[in-house]
C-alpha atoms as a PDB file:
ATOM      1  CA  MET A   1     110.481 -76.951  68.867  1.00  0.00           C
ATOM      2  CA  GLY A   2     110.368 -73.409  70.246  1.00  0.00           C
ATOM      3  CA  ASN A   3     108.755 -72.034  67.090  1.00  0.00           C
ATOM      4  CA  GLY A   4     105.091 -72.202  68.073  1.00  0.00           C
ATOM      5  CA  GLN A   5     103.152 -69.014  67.396  1.00  0.00           C
ATOM      6  CA  HIS A   6     100.005 -68.246  69.378  1.00  0.00           C
ATOM      7  CA  ILE A   7      97.345 -67.162  66.899  1.00  0.00           C
ATOM      8  CA  GLY A   8      94.216 -67.360  69.006  1.00  0.00           C
ATOM      9  CA  THR A   9      91.996 -69.398  71.322  1.00  0.00           C
ATOM     10  CA  ILE A  10      89.122 -71.653  70.283  1.00  0.00           C
ATOM     11  CA  ARG A  11      86.205 -72.068  72.679  1.00  0.00           C
ATOM     12  CA  GLN A  12      83.317 -74.348  71.781  1.00  0.00           C
ATOM     13  CA  LYS A  13      80.507 -75.610  73.998  1.00  0.00           C
ATOM     14  CA  PHE A  14      79.333 -79.180  73.427  1.00  0.00           C
ATOM     15  CA  SER A  15      76.210 -78.969  75.592  1.00  0.00           C
ATOM     16  CA  THR A  16      73.933 -79.227  72.560  1.00  0.00           C
ATOM     17  CA  ILE A  17      75.406 -82.592  71.552  1.00  0.00           C
ATOM     18  CA  GLN A  18      73.107 -85.320  72.861  1.00  0.00           C
ATOM     19  CA  SER A  19      74.752 -88.378  71.296  1.00  0.00           C
ATOM     20  CA  ALA A  20      78.275 -89.523  70.496  1.00  0.00           C
ATOM     21  CA  GLU A  21      79.850 -87.551  67.667  1.00  0.00           C
ATOM     22  CA  GLN A  22      83.104 -87.515  65.732  1.00  0.00           C
ATOM     23  CA  LEU A  23      83.892 -83.889  64.924  1.00  0.00           C
ATOM     24  CA  LEU A  24      86.590 -82.329  62.785  1.00  0.00           C
ATOM     25  CA  LEU A  25      88.494 -79.227  63.845  1.00  0.00           C
ATOM     26  CA  LYS A  26      90.207 -77.599  60.889  1.00  0.00           C
ATOM     27  CA  VAL A  27      92.577 -74.611  61.094  1.00  0.00           C
ATOM     28  CA  LYS A  28      93.804 -72.824  57.992  1.00  0.00           C
ATOM     29  CA  THR A  29      96.202 -69.957  57.458  1.00  0.00           C
ATOM     30  CA  VAL A  30      97.309 -68.384  54.199  1.00  0.00           C
ATOM     31  CA  SER A  31      99.780 -71.128  53.370  1.00  0.00           C
ATOM     32  CA  ALA A  32      99.049 -74.011  55.754  1.00  0.00           C
ATOM     33  CA  GLU A  33      96.181 -76.143  56.977  1.00  0.00           C
ATOM     34  CA  ASN A  34      95.815 -78.744  59.701  1.00  0.00           C
ATOM     35  CA  SER A  35      92.927 -80.737  61.144  1.00  0.00           C
ATOM     36  CA  TRP A  36      92.168 -82.844  64.201  1.00  0.00           C
ATOM     37  CA  ASP A  37      89.481 -85.425  64.948  1.00  0.00           C
ATOM     38  CA  ILE A  38      87.619 -84.753  68.187  1.00  0.00           C
ATOM     39  CA  PHE A  39      85.393 -87.409  69.760  1.00  0.00           C
ATOM     40  CA  VAL A  40      82.600 -86.117  71.985  1.00  0.00           C
ATOM     41  CA  TYR A  41      80.582 -88.395  74.268  1.00  0.00           C
ATOM     42  CA  PRO A  42      77.623 -87.534  76.514  1.00  0.00           C
ATOM     43  CA  THR A  43      78.432 -87.288  80.215  1.00  0.00           C
ATOM     44  CA  VAL A  44      75.167 -89.050  81.062  1.00  0.00           C
ATOM     45  CA  LEU A  45      73.982 -91.948  78.910  1.00  0.00           C
ATOM     46  CA  PRO A  46      70.358 -93.071  78.539  1.00  0.00           C
ATOM     47  CA  ASP A  47      69.185 -95.857  80.815  1.00  0.00           C
ATOM     48  CA  ILE A  48      69.797 -99.390  79.596  1.00  0.00           C
ATOM     49  CA  SER A  49      67.301-102.182  80.263  1.00  0.00           C
ATOM     50  CA  LYS A  50      68.372-105.162  82.358  1.00  0.00           C
ATOM     51  CA  GLU A  51      67.907-107.484  79.385  1.00  0.00           C
ATOM     52  CA  VAL A  52      71.659-107.886  78.892  1.00  0.00           C
ATOM     53  CA  ARG A  53      73.790-109.299  81.708  1.00  0.00           C
ATOM     54  CA  VAL A  54      77.218-107.613  81.757  1.00  0.00           C
ATOM     55  CA  THR A  55      79.954-109.537  83.533  1.00  0.00           C
ATOM     56  CA  GLN A  56      83.723-109.941  83.674  1.00  0.00           C
ATOM     57  CA  VAL A  57      83.543-113.667  84.447  1.00  0.00           C
ATOM     58  CA  LEU A  58      81.480-116.485  83.013  1.00  0.00           C
ATOM     59  CA  ASP A  59      80.162-117.513  86.416  1.00  0.00           C
ATOM     60  CA  ASP A  60      77.236-119.802  87.258  1.00  0.00           C
ATOM     61  CA  GLU A  61      74.716-116.964  86.938  1.00  0.00           C
ATOM     62  CA  ALA A  62      75.979-116.016  83.464  1.00  0.00           C
ATOM     63  CA  VAL A  63      75.951-119.644  82.324  1.00  0.00           C
ATOM     64  CA  GLU A  64      72.399-120.065  83.594  1.00  0.00           C
ATOM     65  CA  GLU A  65      71.405-116.877  81.754  1.00  0.00           C
ATOM     66  CA  LEU A  66      72.736-118.303  78.489  1.00  0.00           C
ATOM     67  CA  ASN A  67      71.236-121.757  79.018  1.00  0.00           C
ATOM     68  CA  SER A  68      67.832-120.192  79.624  1.00  0.00           C
ATOM     69  CA  GLY A  69      67.978-118.136  76.418  1.00  0.00           C
ATOM     70  CA  GLY A  70      69.281-114.841  77.786  1.00  0.00           C
ATOM     71  CA  LYS A  71      71.890-112.366  76.569  1.00  0.00           C
ATOM     72  CA  VAL A  72      75.332-111.972  78.146  1.00  0.00           C
ATOM     73  CA  LEU A  73      78.111-109.480  77.452  1.00  0.00           C
ATOM     74  CA  LEU A  74      81.373-110.921  78.755  1.00  0.00           C
ATOM     75  CA  THR A  75      84.012-108.187  79.040  1.00  0.00           C
ATOM     76  CA  LEU A  76      87.300-109.791  80.055  1.00  0.00           C
ATOM     77  CA  LYS A  77      89.844-108.233  82.359  1.00  0.00           C
ATOM     78  CA  LYS A  78      93.121-107.313  80.696  1.00  0.00           C
ATOM     79  CA  GLY A  79      95.628-110.121  81.163  1.00  0.00           C
ATOM     80  CA  SER A  80      93.005-112.802  81.804  1.00  0.00           C
ATOM     81  CA  VAL A  81      93.220-114.483  78.380  1.00  0.00           C
ATOM     82  CA  LYS A  82      95.382-117.605  78.393  1.00  0.00           C
ATOM     83  CA  PRO A  83      98.687-117.346  76.480  1.00  0.00           C
ATOM     84  CA  GLU A  84      97.730-120.124  74.074  1.00  0.00           C
ATOM     85  CA  MET A  85      94.433-118.338  73.353  1.00  0.00           C
ATOM     86  CA  GLY A  86      96.170-115.062  72.446  1.00  0.00           C
ATOM     87  CA  GLY A  87      97.015-113.604  75.848  1.00  0.00           C
ATOM     88  CA  ASP A  88     100.733-113.590  75.085  1.00  0.00           C
ATOM     89  CA  ILE A  89     100.337-111.373  72.012  1.00  0.00           C
ATOM     90  CA  LYS A  90     101.708-107.876  72.568  1.00  0.00           C
ATOM     91  CA  VAL A  91      98.774-105.725  71.488  1.00  0.00           C
ATOM     92  CA  GLY A  92      99.416-102.010  71.095  1.00  0.00           C
ATOM     93  CA  PHE A  93      97.689 -98.929  69.715  1.00  0.00           C
ATOM     94  CA  SER A  94     100.743 -97.880  67.719  1.00  0.00           C
ATOM     95  CA  SER A  95     101.941-100.122  64.914  1.00  0.00           C
ATOM     96  CA  ILE A  96     104.958-102.404  64.790  1.00  0.00           C
ATOM     97  CA  PHE A  97     108.244-100.534  64.744  1.00  0.00           C
ATOM     98  CA  TRP A  98     110.007-101.355  61.507  1.00  0.00           C
ATOM     99  CA  ASN A  99     110.044-105.166  61.534  1.00  0.00           C
ATOM    100  CA  THR A 100     109.576-107.655  64.386  1.00  0.00           C
ATOM    101  CA  ALA A 101     112.060-110.054  62.807  1.00  0.00           C
ATOM    102  CA  TRP A 102     114.736-107.382  63.218  1.00  0.00           C
ATOM    103  CA  THR A 103     113.596-106.009  66.579  1.00  0.00           C
ATOM    104  CA  LYS A 104     113.179-109.461  68.194  1.00  0.00           C
ATOM    105  CA  SER A 105     109.414-108.974  68.615  1.00  0.00           C
ATOM    106  CA  GLN A 106     109.718-105.640  70.350  1.00  0.00           C
ATOM    107  CA  PRO A 107     106.220-104.628  71.553  1.00  0.00           C
ATOM    108  CA  PRO A 108     103.790-103.974  70.086  1.00  0.00           C
ATOM    109  CA  THR A 109     103.518-106.785  67.562  1.00  0.00           C
ATOM    110  CA  THR A 110     100.181-105.741  66.046  1.00  0.00           C
ATOM    111  CA  LEU A 111      99.017-103.233  63.434  1.00  0.00           C
ATOM    112  CA  GLY A 112      95.812-101.678  64.729  1.00  0.00           C
ATOM    113  CA  ILE A 113      92.174-102.744  64.463  1.00  0.00           C
ATOM    114  CA  LEU A 114      89.745-103.511  61.660  1.00  0.00           C
ATOM    115  CA  CYS A 115      85.965-103.302  61.887  1.00  0.00           C
ATOM    116  CA  ASN A 116      82.859-102.533  59.847  1.00  0.00           C
ATOM    117  CA  PRO A 117      81.772 -99.003  60.835  1.00  0.00           C
ATOM    118  CA  GLU A 118      78.288 -99.668  59.449  1.00  0.00           C
ATOM    119  CA  HIS A 119      77.683-102.591  61.786  1.00  0.00           C
ATOM    120  CA  PRO A 120      74.848-101.831  64.244  1.00  0.00           C
ATOM    121  CA  ALA A 121      77.130-102.726  67.154  1.00  0.00           C
ATOM    122  CA  PHE A 122      78.846 -99.364  66.558  1.00  0.00           C
ATOM    123  CA  ALA A 123      75.724 -97.284  66.001  1.00  0.00           C
ATOM    124  CA  ALA A 124      76.438 -95.329  69.196  1.00  0.00           C
ATOM    125  CA  PHE A 125      80.232 -95.439  68.882  1.00  0.00           C
ATOM    126  CA  PRO A 126      81.326 -93.472  65.795  1.00  0.00           C
ATOM    127  CA  THR A 127      84.263 -95.141  64.078  1.00  0.00           C
ATOM    128  CA  GLU A 128      85.997 -95.673  60.778  1.00  0.00           C
ATOM    129  CA  TYR A 129      87.053 -99.141  59.649  1.00  0.00           C
ATOM    130  CA  HIS A 130      90.518 -98.573  61.099  1.00  0.00           C
ATOM    131  CA  SER A 131      92.177 -97.309  64.281  1.00  0.00           C
ATOM    132  CA  ASN A 132      91.686 -93.731  65.372  1.00  0.00           C
ATOM    133  CA  TRP A 133      92.171 -92.091  68.742  1.00  0.00           C
ATOM    134  CA  GLN A 134      88.829 -93.223  70.171  1.00  0.00           C
ATOM    135  CA  TRP A 135      90.265 -96.776  70.080  1.00  0.00           C
ATOM    136  CA  TRP A 136      93.347 -95.913  72.153  1.00  0.00           C
ATOM    137  CA  ASP A 137      91.633 -96.606  75.472  1.00  0.00           C
ATOM    138  CA  ALA A 138      90.128 -99.885  74.250  1.00  0.00           C
ATOM    139  CA  VAL A 139      93.374-101.256  72.856  1.00  0.00           C
ATOM    140  CA  THR A 140      95.396-100.309  75.923  1.00  0.00           C
ATOM    141  CA  HIS A 141      92.883-102.182  78.131  1.00  0.00           C
ATOM    142  CA  SER A 142      92.691-105.305  75.982  1.00  0.00           C
ATOM    143  CA  SER A 143      94.073-108.729  75.225  1.00  0.00           C
ATOM    144  CA  ALA A 144      93.933-110.402  71.825  1.00  0.00           C
ATOM    145  CA  VAL A 145      91.967-113.598  71.206  1.00  0.00           C
ATOM    146  CA  ARG A 146      93.271-116.144  68.716  1.00  0.00           C
ATOM    147  CA  MET A 147      90.167-116.900  66.691  1.00  0.00           C
ATOM    148  CA  ASP A 148      91.795-119.965  65.112  1.00  0.00           C
ATOM    149  CA  ALA A 149      92.212-121.437  68.599  1.00  0.00           C
ATOM    150  CA  LEU A 150      88.561-120.726  69.368  1.00  0.00           C
ATOM    151  CA  SER A 151      86.575-121.120  66.151  1.00  0.00           C
ATOM    152  CA  LYS A 152      87.490-120.616  62.512  1.00  0.00           C
ATOM    153  CA  LYS A 153      83.831-119.872  61.734  1.00  0.00           C
ATOM    154  CA  ILE A 154      83.527-116.635  63.720  1.00  0.00           C
ATOM    155  CA  ASN A 155      84.166-113.314  61.998  1.00  0.00           C
ATOM    156  CA  PRO A 156      84.979-110.851  64.825  1.00  0.00           C
ATOM    157  CA  LEU A 157      83.144-107.546  65.123  1.00  0.00           C
ATOM    158  CA  VAL A 158      86.533-105.993  65.916  1.00  0.00           C
ATOM    159  CA  ARG A 159      89.661-107.639  64.555  1.00  0.00           C
ATOM    160  CA  VAL A 160      93.277-107.050  65.567  1.00  0.00           C
ATOM    161  CA  ILE A 161      95.699-106.967  62.635  1.00  0.00           C
ATOM    162  CA  ASP A 162      98.594-109.239  63.487  1.00  0.00           C
ATOM    163  CA  ASP A 163     102.268-108.991  62.577  1.00  0.00           C
ATOM    164  CA  TRP A 164     102.663-109.920  58.892  1.00  0.00           C
ATOM    165  CA  VAL A 165     105.237-112.571  59.867  1.00  0.00           C
ATOM    166  CA  THR A 166     102.755-114.589  61.951  1.00  0.00           C
ATOM    167  CA  ALA A 167      99.472-113.342  60.383  1.00  0.00           C
ATOM    168  CA  ARG A 168      97.246-114.953  62.995  1.00  0.00           C
ATOM    169  CA  PRO A 169      93.481-114.249  62.955  1.00  0.00           C
ATOM    170  CA  LEU A 170      92.968-112.152  66.079  1.00  0.00           C
ATOM    171  CA  GLY A 171      89.809-110.707  67.583  1.00  0.00           C
ATOM    172  CA  LEU A 172      88.877-108.120  70.198  1.00  0.00           C
ATOM    173  CA  ILE A 173      85.082-108.417  70.101  1.00  0.00           C
ATOM    174  CA  PHE A 174      83.015-111.317  68.731  1.00  0.00           C
ATOM    175  CA  GLU A 175      79.532-112.752  69.052  1.00  0.00           C
ATOM    176  CA  CYS A 176      78.140-116.296  69.121  1.00  0.00           C
ATOM    177  CA  LYS A 177      75.253-118.465  70.246  1.00  0.00           C
ATOM    178  CA  VAL A 178      75.789-120.362  73.488  1.00  0.00           C
ATOM    179  CA  GLY A 179      73.160-122.794  74.679  1.00  0.00           C
ATOM    180  CA  LYS A 180      69.789-121.201  74.036  1.00  0.00           C
ATOM    181  CA  GLY A 181      71.225-117.741  74.538  1.00  0.00           C
ATOM    182  CA  SER A 182      73.412-115.184  72.786  1.00  0.00           C
ATOM    183  CA  LEU A 183      76.830-113.935  73.845  1.00  0.00           C
ATOM    184  CA  ILE A 184      79.226-111.113  73.017  1.00  0.00           C
ATOM    185  CA  VAL A 185      82.790-111.561  74.221  1.00  0.00           C
ATOM    186  CA  SER A 186      84.848-108.396  74.541  1.00  0.00           C
ATOM    187  CA  ALA A 187      88.554-108.929  75.136  1.00  0.00           C
ATOM    188  CA  ILE A 188      88.512-105.198  75.901  1.00  0.00           C
ATOM    189  CA  ASP A 189      87.945-104.559  79.597  1.00  0.00           C
ATOM    190  CA  LEU A 190      85.009-102.145  79.493  1.00  0.00           C
ATOM    191  CA  LEU A 191      84.253-102.097  83.224  1.00  0.00           C
ATOM    192  CA  SER A 192      87.439-101.374  85.187  1.00  0.00           C
ATOM    193  CA  ASP A 193      87.784 -97.680  86.106  1.00  0.00           C
ATOM    194  CA  ARG A 194      85.062 -96.790  83.619  1.00  0.00           C
ATOM    195  CA  ASP A 195      84.230 -93.596  85.517  1.00  0.00           C
ATOM    196  CA  GLN A 196      87.551 -92.280  84.164  1.00  0.00           C
ATOM    197  CA  ARG A 197      87.141 -93.810  80.672  1.00  0.00           C
ATOM    198  CA  PRO A 198      84.452 -92.100  78.537  1.00  0.00           C
ATOM    199  CA  GLU A 199      85.371 -94.180  75.468  1.00  0.00           C
ATOM    200  CA  ALA A 200      84.850 -97.432  77.381  1.00  0.00           C
ATOM    201  CA  ARG A 201      81.474 -96.255  78.711  1.00  0.00           C
ATOM    202  CA  GLN A 202      80.357 -95.297  75.220  1.00  0.00           C
ATOM    203  CA  LEU A 203      81.509 -98.524  73.566  1.00  0.00           C
ATOM    204  CA  LEU A 204      79.835-100.588  76.297  1.00  0.00           C
ATOM    205  CA  TYR A 205      76.617 -98.622  75.820  1.00  0.00           C
ATOM    206  CA  SER A 206      76.749 -99.129  72.045  1.00  0.00           C
ATOM    207  CA  LEU A 207      77.218-102.888  72.418  1.00  0.00           C
ATOM    208  CA  GLN A 208      74.386-103.126  74.940  1.00  0.00           C
ATOM    209  CA  LYS A 209      72.013-101.205  72.675  1.00  0.00           C
ATOM    210  CA  TYR A 210      72.938-103.510  69.804  1.00  0.00           C
ATOM    211  CA  MET A 211      72.288-106.577  71.929  1.00  0.00           C
ATOM    212  CA  GLU A 212      68.875-105.250  72.959  1.00  0.00           C
ATOM    213  CA  GLY A 213      67.765-104.876  69.333  1.00  0.00           C
ATOM    214  CA  ASN A 214      66.536-107.289  66.694  1.00  0.00           C
ATOM    215  CA  ALA A 215      69.786-107.043  64.716  1.00  0.00           C
ATOM    216  CA  PHE A 216      71.624-109.051  67.372  1.00  0.00           C
ATOM    217  CA  MET A 217      71.338-112.565  65.960  1.00  0.00           C
ATOM    218  CA  PRO A 218      74.660-114.463  66.184  1.00  0.00           C
ATOM    219  CA  GLU A 219      74.974-117.182  63.567  1.00  0.00           C
ATOM    220  CA  VAL A 220      77.791-119.352  64.908  1.00  0.00           C
ATOM    221  CA  SER A 221      77.160-121.653  67.864  1.00  0.00           C
ATOM    222  CA  MET A 222      79.829-122.282  70.480  1.00  0.00           C
ATOM    223  CA  ASP A 223      79.989-124.695  73.398  1.00  0.00           C
ATOM    224  CA  ILE A 224      80.171-123.019  76.786  1.00  0.00           C
ATOM    225  CA  ALA A 225      83.295-125.037  77.605  1.00  0.00           C
ATOM    226  CA  ALA A 226      85.138-123.488  74.636  1.00  0.00           C
ATOM    227  CA  ILE A 227      84.389-119.982  75.896  1.00  0.00           C
ATOM    228  CA  GLN A 228      85.498-120.922  79.409  1.00  0.00           C
ATOM    229  CA  LYS A 229      88.855-122.078  78.021  1.00  0.00           C
ATOM    230  CA  LEU A 230      89.646-118.493  77.023  1.00  0.00           C
ATOM    231  CA  THR A 231      90.645-117.434  80.514  1.00  0.00           C
ATOM    232  CA  SER A 232      92.811-118.774  83.304  1.00  0.00           C
ATOM    233  CA  GLU A 233      91.116-120.020  86.448  1.00  0.00           C
ATOM    234  CA  ASN A 234      93.116-117.594  88.595  1.00  0.00           C
ATOM    235  CA  SER A 235      91.660-114.666  86.648  1.00  0.00           C
ATOM    236  CA  LEU A 236      88.094-115.447  87.671  1.00  0.00           C
END
């Protein structure tokens, strides 16, 4: 706007922060105040055991892991979810502009995310129950999953809020039992280019730590064939 006034420089070292933190920067003058959320993640994360198999495809090795009672984290590539399973839904970090009925479904056609910040899956990924800037990377690397096309019994760990006109139950992350094993499906791609994506690294770490612990006990059972129907064959 050409009216910005330089009032000073803030320098703050984060070297003492050993775990993920959501910080608040607040600036106040005589007559005005503003604040900004700042998300800080460690450059180096603690080692993770090999107990959880992380994969982008449900290949033979992942299926065998589940059938033998193991734990698998399936993190799908963006664009790999079939259209009828939610892949055609125009997910976006920003909310719908005005009204999709008037804008002819101009992207995005969603209204942010919803989750339980107290859930142990997010113990190492500070979050509120709604979208904030630490979710921008996840949403922009994701596809929605239509939970009604998969299972009406599963309550996603992270839900996408759909357009109020269609109001479909959409998920980004959910858990279930498969065979003798346990599975988390992330429709957020947490592996591609992760060296450049600190939020993705941190969310992946948080999910892995959750899956290693005793709190990870999915209640709903799913057939492996139903999970395989999520993605197109040419995306494998």
